[in-house]
Amino acid sequence: MFTGLIETMGAVVGARSYGKSVELCVRPDMPGFAVDTGASVSIDGVCLTLEKHGGGGELFFTAVSETLSRTTLAKPSVGRRVNLERAMRADGRLDGHFVLGHVDGRGKILSDEHVGISVVRTIKIPPELEIFMAEKGSVAIDGISLTIAKNAGNTILLSIIPATAAKTTMFIKKPGEFVNIECDVLARYIYNMIHRRGGHWPPASASPSQNKPENVESLLTKMERLGF
């Protein structure tokens, strides 16, 4: 699990295809970016497992077909800049929001508009993800925890502050390019619970007595029978 607060950027220094998988070699900018073999690292919002270290501080990962089909790692060009975050510590301060590194789909950058010292970026999102986008809610874009300033149906607007721009790859990517989108995990689970039950809440399988609250008289009668 991650927070969406990028620790450092890095560069893809190697990419080799193996059938439907890709081995990535990434070199972090941060000196001493310590990660144990087998640990999770978020690369542009994609949770990958560190398989081995290189002699020059490089980190090696494998992205499988499912990951490649949903994310921008399908075309990992050498030299590409990426956002990096290690898994959060249980005893650390939780900023950002809960980010799992499980990308839901790709979005397309449409435009940037300067508003004071910030930049409002408009991103087109896949139709199936529209339901998860709530104004003032959270979303992870390339692993960056952001707040949705406005939801306009098939697009979302994000207000990017200078600190985010300086510490991430946010504006290395330009309009026309694609980004990884991870919906807020709470929205994802709430939708799943309701959708799997035909849009009804409480669950249709619950008995009638479970679906409606008891009145005061009924509760008092039960308490009397129990000797209260």
C-alpha atoms as a PDB file:
ATOM      1  CA  MET A   1       0.000   0.000   0.000  1.00  0.00           C
ATOM      2  CA  PHE A   2       1.142   3.539  -0.812  1.00  0.00           C
ATOM      3  CA  THR A   3       0.120   7.117  -0.027  1.00  0.00           C
ATOM      4  CA  GLY A   4       0.474   8.771  -3.424  1.00  0.00           C
ATOM      5  CA  LEU A   5       3.219  11.087  -2.136  1.00  0.00           C
ATOM      6  CA  ILE A   6       6.089  10.613  -4.566  1.00  0.00           C
ATOM      7  CA  GLU A   7       9.454  10.110  -2.874  1.00  0.00           C
ATOM      8  CA  THR A   8      11.645  10.618  -5.906  1.00  0.00           C
ATOM      9  CA  MET A   9      11.705  10.358  -9.655  1.00  0.00           C
ATOM     10  CA  GLY A  10      13.789   7.929 -11.658  1.00  0.00           C
ATOM     11  CA  ALA A  11      14.606   6.867 -15.182  1.00  0.00           C
ATOM     12  CA  VAL A  12      13.938   3.688 -17.113  1.00  0.00           C
ATOM     13  CA  VAL A  13      17.430   2.581 -18.121  1.00  0.00           C
ATOM     14  CA  GLY A  14      16.494  -0.791 -19.566  1.00  0.00           C
ATOM     15  CA  ALA A  15      13.432  -2.608 -20.915  1.00  0.00           C
ATOM     16  CA  ARG A  16      13.343  -6.133 -22.361  1.00  0.00           C
ATOM     17  CA  SER A  17      10.321  -8.076 -23.561  1.00  0.00           C
ATOM     18  CA  TYR A  18       9.805 -11.717 -22.600  1.00  0.00           C
ATOM     19  CA  GLY A  19       6.737 -12.980 -24.418  1.00  0.00           C
ATOM     20  CA  LYS A  20       3.861 -11.005 -22.922  1.00  0.00           C
ATOM     21  CA  SER A  21       5.957  -9.639 -20.042  1.00  0.00           C
ATOM     22  CA  VAL A  22       8.519  -6.854 -19.779  1.00  0.00           C
ATOM     23  CA  GLU A  23      11.564  -6.620 -17.522  1.00  0.00           C
ATOM     24  CA  LEU A  24      12.148  -3.043 -16.388  1.00  0.00           C
ATOM     25  CA  CYS A  25      15.379  -1.619 -15.057  1.00  0.00           C
ATOM     26  CA  VAL A  26      14.875   1.665 -13.185  1.00  0.00           C
ATOM     27  CA  ARG A  27      17.492   3.953 -11.633  1.00  0.00           C
ATOM     28  CA  PRO A  28      16.119   6.222  -8.844  1.00  0.00           C
ATOM     29  CA  ASP A  29      17.325   9.822  -8.604  1.00  0.00           C
ATOM     30  CA  MET A  30      17.440   9.635  -4.808  1.00  0.00           C
ATOM     31  CA  PRO A  31      20.748   8.350  -3.422  1.00  0.00           C
ATOM     32  CA  GLY A  32      20.203   5.431  -1.067  1.00  0.00           C
ATOM     33  CA  PHE A  33      16.665   4.651  -2.244  1.00  0.00           C
ATOM     34  CA  ALA A  34      16.725   1.502  -0.119  1.00  0.00           C
ATOM     35  CA  VAL A  35      14.371  -1.307  -1.108  1.00  0.00           C
ATOM     36  CA  ASP A  36      14.655  -4.954  -0.091  1.00  0.00           C
ATOM     37  CA  THR A  37      14.330  -7.681  -2.686  1.00  0.00           C
ATOM     38  CA  GLY A  38      10.703  -8.823  -2.739  1.00  0.00           C
ATOM     39  CA  ALA A  39       9.380  -5.459  -1.554  1.00  0.00           C
ATOM     40  CA  SER A  40       6.799  -3.393  -3.430  1.00  0.00           C
ATOM     41  CA  VAL A  41       7.543  -0.166  -5.285  1.00  0.00           C
ATOM     42  CA  SER A  42       5.088   2.098  -7.056  1.00  0.00           C
ATOM     43  CA  ILE A  43       6.344   2.995 -10.545  1.00  0.00           C
ATOM     44  CA  ASP A  44       4.092   5.640 -12.098  1.00  0.00           C
ATOM     45  CA  GLY A  45       1.354   4.286  -9.853  1.00  0.00           C
ATOM     46  CA  VAL A  46       1.910   0.628 -10.740  1.00  0.00           C
ATOM     47  CA  CYS A  47       2.764  -1.675  -7.841  1.00  0.00           C
ATOM     48  CA  LEU A  48       5.671  -3.920  -8.869  1.00  0.00           C
ATOM     49  CA  THR A  49       7.876  -6.298  -6.884  1.00  0.00           C
ATOM     50  CA  LEU A  50      11.608  -5.689  -6.735  1.00  0.00           C
ATOM     51  CA  GLU A  51      13.359  -8.782  -8.089  1.00  0.00           C
ATOM     52  CA  LYS A  52      17.016  -7.780  -7.911  1.00  0.00           C
ATOM     53  CA  HIS A  53      19.475  -4.896  -7.575  1.00  0.00           C
ATOM     54  CA  GLY A  54      22.027  -3.705 -10.096  1.00  0.00           C
ATOM     55  CA  GLY A  55      25.582  -2.657  -9.286  1.00  0.00           C
ATOM     56  CA  GLY A  56      24.851   1.007  -9.963  1.00  0.00           C
ATOM     57  CA  GLY A  57      21.751   1.314  -7.823  1.00  0.00           C
ATOM     58  CA  GLU A  58      19.412   0.014 -10.530  1.00  0.00           C
ATOM     59  CA  LEU A  59      16.204  -1.793  -9.584  1.00  0.00           C
ATOM     60  CA  PHE A  60      14.781  -4.655 -11.676  1.00  0.00           C
ATOM     61  CA  PHE A  61      11.071  -5.480 -11.979  1.00  0.00           C
ATOM     62  CA  THR A  62       8.827  -7.580 -14.207  1.00  0.00           C
ATOM     63  CA  ALA A  63       5.490  -6.280 -15.510  1.00  0.00           C
ATOM     64  CA  VAL A  64       3.192  -9.088 -16.678  1.00  0.00           C
ATOM     65  CA  SER A  65       0.516  -9.024 -19.387  1.00  0.00           C
ATOM     66  CA  GLU A  66      -2.347  -7.961 -17.079  1.00  0.00           C
ATOM     67  CA  THR A  67      -0.315  -4.978 -15.898  1.00  0.00           C
ATOM     68  CA  LEU A  68       0.748  -4.029 -19.414  1.00  0.00           C
ATOM     69  CA  SER A  69      -2.835  -4.191 -20.704  1.00  0.00           C
ATOM     70  CA  ARG A  70      -4.074  -1.602 -18.187  1.00  0.00           C
ATOM     71  CA  THR A  71      -1.145   0.780 -17.789  1.00  0.00           C
ATOM     72  CA  THR A  72       1.299   3.017 -19.609  1.00  0.00           C
ATOM     73  CA  LEU A  73       4.092   0.515 -18.925  1.00  0.00           C
ATOM     74  CA  ALA A  74       3.095  -1.256 -22.135  1.00  0.00           C
ATOM     75  CA  LYS A  75       5.577   1.005 -23.942  1.00  0.00           C
ATOM     76  CA  PRO A  76       8.417   1.579 -21.454  1.00  0.00           C
ATOM     77  CA  SER A  77      10.883   3.582 -23.566  1.00  0.00           C
ATOM     78  CA  VAL A  78      14.440   3.827 -22.264  1.00  0.00           C
ATOM     79  CA  GLY A  79      15.065   7.268 -20.780  1.00  0.00           C
ATOM     80  CA  ARG A  80      11.472   7.716 -19.688  1.00  0.00           C
ATOM     81  CA  ARG A  81      11.062   9.524 -16.370  1.00  0.00           C
ATOM     82  CA  VAL A  82       8.890   7.810 -13.745  1.00  0.00           C
ATOM     83  CA  ASN A  83       7.498   8.525 -10.279  1.00  0.00           C
ATOM     84  CA  LEU A  84       8.730   6.270  -7.475  1.00  0.00           C
ATOM     85  CA  GLU A  85       7.333   5.532  -4.035  1.00  0.00           C
ATOM     86  CA  ARG A  86       8.176   2.759  -1.597  1.00  0.00           C
ATOM     87  CA  ALA A  87       5.420   0.985   0.311  1.00  0.00           C
ATOM     88  CA  MET A  88       4.189   2.973   3.298  1.00  0.00           C
ATOM     89  CA  ARG A  89       5.348   2.156   6.809  1.00  0.00           C
ATOM     90  CA  ALA A  90       2.741   1.156   9.377  1.00  0.00           C
ATOM     91  CA  ASP A  91       4.271   3.579  11.899  1.00  0.00           C
ATOM     92  CA  GLY A  92       4.520   6.519   9.496  1.00  0.00           C
ATOM     93  CA  ARG A  93       2.337   9.577   9.005  1.00  0.00           C
ATOM     94  CA  LEU A  94      -0.436   8.948   6.487  1.00  0.00           C
ATOM     95  CA  ASP A  95      -0.658  11.860   4.086  1.00  0.00           C
ATOM     96  CA  GLY A  96      -2.169  11.662   0.612  1.00  0.00           C
ATOM     97  CA  HIS A  97      -4.686   8.797   0.534  1.00  0.00           C
ATOM     98  CA  PHE A  98      -4.703   5.003   0.405  1.00  0.00           C
ATOM     99  CA  VAL A  99      -3.189   4.016  -2.941  1.00  0.00           C
ATOM    100  CA  LEU A 100      -2.893   0.316  -3.760  1.00  0.00           C
ATOM    101  CA  GLY A 101      -0.874   0.533  -6.944  1.00  0.00           C
ATOM    102  CA  HIS A 102      -3.628  -1.354  -8.799  1.00  0.00           C
ATOM    103  CA  VAL A 103      -4.219   0.804 -11.861  1.00  0.00           C
ATOM    104  CA  ASP A 104      -7.787   0.821 -13.205  1.00  0.00           C
ATOM    105  CA  GLY A 105      -7.060   2.252 -16.631  1.00  0.00           C
ATOM    106  CA  ARG A 106      -5.381   4.896 -18.752  1.00  0.00           C
ATOM    107  CA  GLY A 107      -6.455   8.514 -19.145  1.00  0.00           C
ATOM    108  CA  LYS A 108      -5.504  11.061 -21.796  1.00  0.00           C
ATOM    109  CA  ILE A 109      -4.210  14.532 -20.967  1.00  0.00           C
ATOM    110  CA  LEU A 110      -6.364  17.055 -22.862  1.00  0.00           C
ATOM    111  CA  SER A 111      -5.176  20.475 -21.748  1.00  0.00           C
ATOM    112  CA  ASP A 112      -3.385  22.643 -19.188  1.00  0.00           C
ATOM    113  CA  GLU A 113      -4.570  26.070 -18.038  1.00  0.00           C
ATOM    114  CA  HIS A 114      -2.512  28.376 -15.818  1.00  0.00           C
ATOM    115  CA  VAL A 115      -4.573  29.796 -12.959  1.00  0.00           C
ATOM    116  CA  GLY A 116      -2.437  31.973 -10.718  1.00  0.00           C
ATOM    117  CA  ILE A 117       0.509  29.874  -9.521  1.00  0.00           C
ATOM    118  CA  SER A 118      -1.314  26.606 -10.156  1.00  0.00           C
ATOM    119  CA  VAL A 119      -2.120  24.717 -13.336  1.00  0.00           C
ATOM    120  CA  VAL A 120      -5.519  23.159 -13.971  1.00  0.00           C
ATOM    121  CA  ARG A 121      -5.024  19.958 -15.935  1.00  0.00           C
ATOM    122  CA  THR A 122      -7.942  18.311 -17.748  1.00  0.00           C
ATOM    123  CA  ILE A 123      -7.786  14.546 -18.224  1.00  0.00           C
ATOM    124  CA  LYS A 124     -10.170  12.395 -20.228  1.00  0.00           C
ATOM    125  CA  ILE A 125     -11.012   9.195 -18.384  1.00  0.00           C
ATOM    126  CA  PRO A 126     -12.369   5.858 -19.626  1.00  0.00           C
ATOM    127  CA  PRO A 127     -16.207   5.707 -19.515  1.00  0.00           C
ATOM    128  CA  GLU A 128     -16.199   2.788 -17.069  1.00  0.00           C
ATOM    129  CA  LEU A 129     -14.313   4.885 -14.494  1.00  0.00           C
ATOM    130  CA  GLU A 130     -16.599   7.927 -14.531  1.00  0.00           C
ATOM    131  CA  ILE A 131     -18.734   6.603 -11.670  1.00  0.00           C
ATOM    132  CA  PHE A 132     -15.724   6.540  -9.329  1.00  0.00           C
ATOM    133  CA  MET A 133     -14.796  10.208  -9.842  1.00  0.00           C
ATOM    134  CA  ALA A 134     -16.228  12.538  -7.178  1.00  0.00           C
ATOM    135  CA  GLU A 135     -15.572  16.249  -6.828  1.00  0.00           C
ATOM    136  CA  LYS A 136     -13.232  16.830  -3.862  1.00  0.00           C
ATOM    137  CA  GLY A 137     -12.568  13.087  -3.873  1.00  0.00           C
ATOM    138  CA  SER A 138      -9.196  11.426  -4.328  1.00  0.00           C
ATOM    139  CA  VAL A 139      -7.597   9.932  -7.410  1.00  0.00           C
ATOM    140  CA  ALA A 140      -4.073   8.714  -8.168  1.00  0.00           C
ATOM    141  CA  ILE A 141      -2.566   9.893 -11.457  1.00  0.00           C
ATOM    142  CA  ASP A 142       0.721   8.176 -12.321  1.00  0.00           C
ATOM    143  CA  GLY A 143       0.914   7.339  -8.624  1.00  0.00           C
ATOM    144  CA  ILE A 144       0.393  10.943  -7.461  1.00  0.00           C
ATOM    145  CA  SER A 145      -2.331  11.526  -4.879  1.00  0.00           C
ATOM    146  CA  LEU A 146      -4.553  14.337  -6.164  1.00  0.00           C
ATOM    147  CA  THR A 147      -7.923  15.898  -5.388  1.00  0.00           C
ATOM    148  CA  ILE A 148     -10.528  16.121  -8.135  1.00  0.00           C
ATOM    149  CA  ALA A 149     -11.393  19.815  -8.502  1.00  0.00           C
ATOM    150  CA  LYS A 150     -14.252  19.150 -10.900  1.00  0.00           C
ATOM    151  CA  ASN A 151     -15.945  16.143 -12.447  1.00  0.00           C
ATOM    152  CA  ALA A 152     -17.305  16.905 -15.907  1.00  0.00           C
ATOM    153  CA  GLY A 153     -18.545  13.465 -16.909  1.00  0.00           C
ATOM    154  CA  ASN A 154     -15.870  11.979 -19.125  1.00  0.00           C
ATOM    155  CA  THR A 155     -13.213  14.416 -17.902  1.00  0.00           C
ATOM    156  CA  ILE A 156     -11.773  15.434 -14.560  1.00  0.00           C
ATOM    157  CA  LEU A 157     -10.022  18.683 -13.675  1.00  0.00           C
ATOM    158  CA  LEU A 158      -7.047  18.673 -11.314  1.00  0.00           C
ATOM    159  CA  SER A 159      -5.451  21.735  -9.758  1.00  0.00           C
ATOM    160  CA  ILE A 160      -1.688  21.164  -9.640  1.00  0.00           C
ATOM    161  CA  ILE A 161       0.374  23.173  -7.153  1.00  0.00           C
ATOM    162  CA  PRO A 162       4.026  24.111  -7.831  1.00  0.00           C
ATOM    163  CA  ALA A 163       5.387  21.609  -5.273  1.00  0.00           C
ATOM    164  CA  THR A 164       3.712  18.704  -7.063  1.00  0.00           C
ATOM    165  CA  ALA A 165       4.964  19.948 -10.419  1.00  0.00           C
ATOM    166  CA  ALA A 166       8.544  20.219  -9.129  1.00  0.00           C
ATOM    167  CA  LYS A 167       8.749  16.805  -7.432  1.00  0.00           C
ATOM    168  CA  THR A 168       6.937  14.587  -9.946  1.00  0.00           C
ATOM    169  CA  THR A 169       6.703  13.812 -13.644  1.00  0.00           C
ATOM    170  CA  MET A 170       3.359  15.630 -13.819  1.00  0.00           C
ATOM    171  CA  PHE A 171       4.386  18.177 -16.452  1.00  0.00           C
ATOM    172  CA  ILE A 172       7.013  16.085 -18.179  1.00  0.00           C
ATOM    173  CA  LYS A 173       3.967  14.580 -19.860  1.00  0.00           C
ATOM    174  CA  LYS A 174       2.141  16.917 -22.210  1.00  0.00           C
ATOM    175  CA  PRO A 175      -1.408  17.108 -23.636  1.00  0.00           C
ATOM    176  CA  GLY A 176      -2.017  14.139 -25.902  1.00  0.00           C
ATOM    177  CA  GLU A 177      -0.055  11.724 -23.715  1.00  0.00           C
ATOM    178  CA  PHE A 178      -1.516   9.045 -21.435  1.00  0.00           C
ATOM    179  CA  VAL A 179      -1.422   8.581 -17.662  1.00  0.00           C
ATOM    180  CA  ASN A 180      -2.248   5.780 -15.236  1.00  0.00           C
ATOM    181  CA  ILE A 181      -5.447   6.213 -13.232  1.00  0.00           C
ATOM    182  CA  GLU A 182      -6.255   4.494  -9.949  1.00  0.00           C
ATOM    183  CA  CYS A 183      -9.708   5.177  -8.512  1.00  0.00           C
ATOM    184  CA  ASP A 184     -10.213   5.751  -4.827  1.00  0.00           C
ATOM    185  CA  VAL A 185     -10.368   2.326  -3.176  1.00  0.00           C
ATOM    186  CA  LEU A 186     -13.383   3.274  -1.021  1.00  0.00           C
ATOM    187  CA  ALA A 187     -15.427   4.216  -4.098  1.00  0.00           C
ATOM    188  CA  ARG A 188     -14.392   0.976  -5.777  1.00  0.00           C
ATOM    189  CA  TYR A 189     -15.588  -1.243  -2.904  1.00  0.00           C
ATOM    190  CA  ILE A 190     -18.833   0.650  -2.319  1.00  0.00           C
ATOM    191  CA  TYR A 191     -19.694   0.327  -6.007  1.00  0.00           C
ATOM    192  CA  ASN A 192     -18.837  -3.367  -5.962  1.00  0.00           C
ATOM    193  CA  MET A 193     -21.057  -4.086  -2.937  1.00  0.00           C
ATOM    194  CA  ILE A 194     -24.048  -2.301  -4.442  1.00  0.00           C
ATOM    195  CA  HIS A 195     -23.558  -3.423  -8.044  1.00  0.00           C
ATOM    196  CA  ARG A 196     -23.259  -7.104  -7.143  1.00  0.00           C
ATOM    197  CA  ARG A 197     -26.658  -6.905  -5.426  1.00  0.00           C
ATOM    198  CA  GLY A 198     -28.522  -5.409  -8.363  1.00  0.00           C
ATOM    199  CA  GLY A 199     -28.212  -1.835  -7.154  1.00  0.00           C
ATOM    200  CA  HIS A 200     -30.097  -2.495  -3.898  1.00  0.00           C
ATOM    201  CA  TRP A 201     -28.992  -1.586  -0.408  1.00  0.00           C
ATOM    202  CA  PRO A 202     -29.272  -3.218   2.121  1.00  0.00           C
ATOM    203  CA  PRO A 203     -28.492  -6.547   0.427  1.00  0.00           C
ATOM    204  CA  ALA A 204     -31.536  -8.258  -1.049  1.00  0.00           C
ATOM    205  CA  SER A 205     -30.558 -11.436   0.817  1.00  0.00           C
ATOM    206  CA  ALA A 206     -31.195  -9.770   4.173  1.00  0.00           C
ATOM    207  CA  SER A 207     -34.414 -10.690   5.966  1.00  0.00           C
ATOM    208  CA  PRO A 208     -37.202  -8.056   6.238  1.00  0.00           C
ATOM    209  CA  SER A 209     -36.422  -7.545   9.923  1.00  0.00           C
ATOM    210  CA  GLN A 210     -32.842  -6.679   8.958  1.00  0.00           C
ATOM    211  CA  ASN A 211     -33.943  -4.203   6.302  1.00  0.00           C
ATOM    212  CA  LYS A 212     -35.924  -1.877   8.559  1.00  0.00           C
ATOM    213  CA  PRO A 213     -35.092  -0.539  12.033  1.00  0.00           C
ATOM    214  CA  GLU A 214     -37.105  -1.628  15.022  1.00  0.00           C
ATOM    215  CA  ASN A 215     -39.385   0.934  16.663  1.00  0.00           C
ATOM    216  CA  VAL A 216     -39.008   2.038  20.263  1.00  0.00           C
ATOM    217  CA  GLU A 217     -41.961  -0.032  21.536  1.00  0.00           C
ATOM    218  CA  SER A 218     -40.527  -3.223  20.069  1.00  0.00           C
ATOM    219  CA  LEU A 219     -37.148  -2.586  21.658  1.00  0.00           C
ATOM    220  CA  LEU A 220     -38.725  -1.844  25.072  1.00  0.00           C
ATOM    221  CA  THR A 221     -40.766  -5.067  24.916  1.00  0.00           C
ATOM    222  CA  LYS A 222     -37.614  -7.088  24.216  1.00  0.00           C
ATOM    223  CA  MET A 223     -35.794  -5.375  27.107  1.00  0.00           C
ATOM    224  CA  GLU A 224     -38.656  -6.194  29.518  1.00  0.00           C
ATOM    225  CA  ARG A 225     -38.595  -9.854  28.488  1.00  0.00           C
ATOM    226  CA  LEU A 226     -34.860  -9.928  29.216  1.00  0.00           C
ATOM    227  CA  GLY A 227     -35.445  -8.492  32.688  1.00  0.00           C
ATOM    228  CA  PHE A 228     -34.150  -4.936  32.170  1.00  0.00           C
END
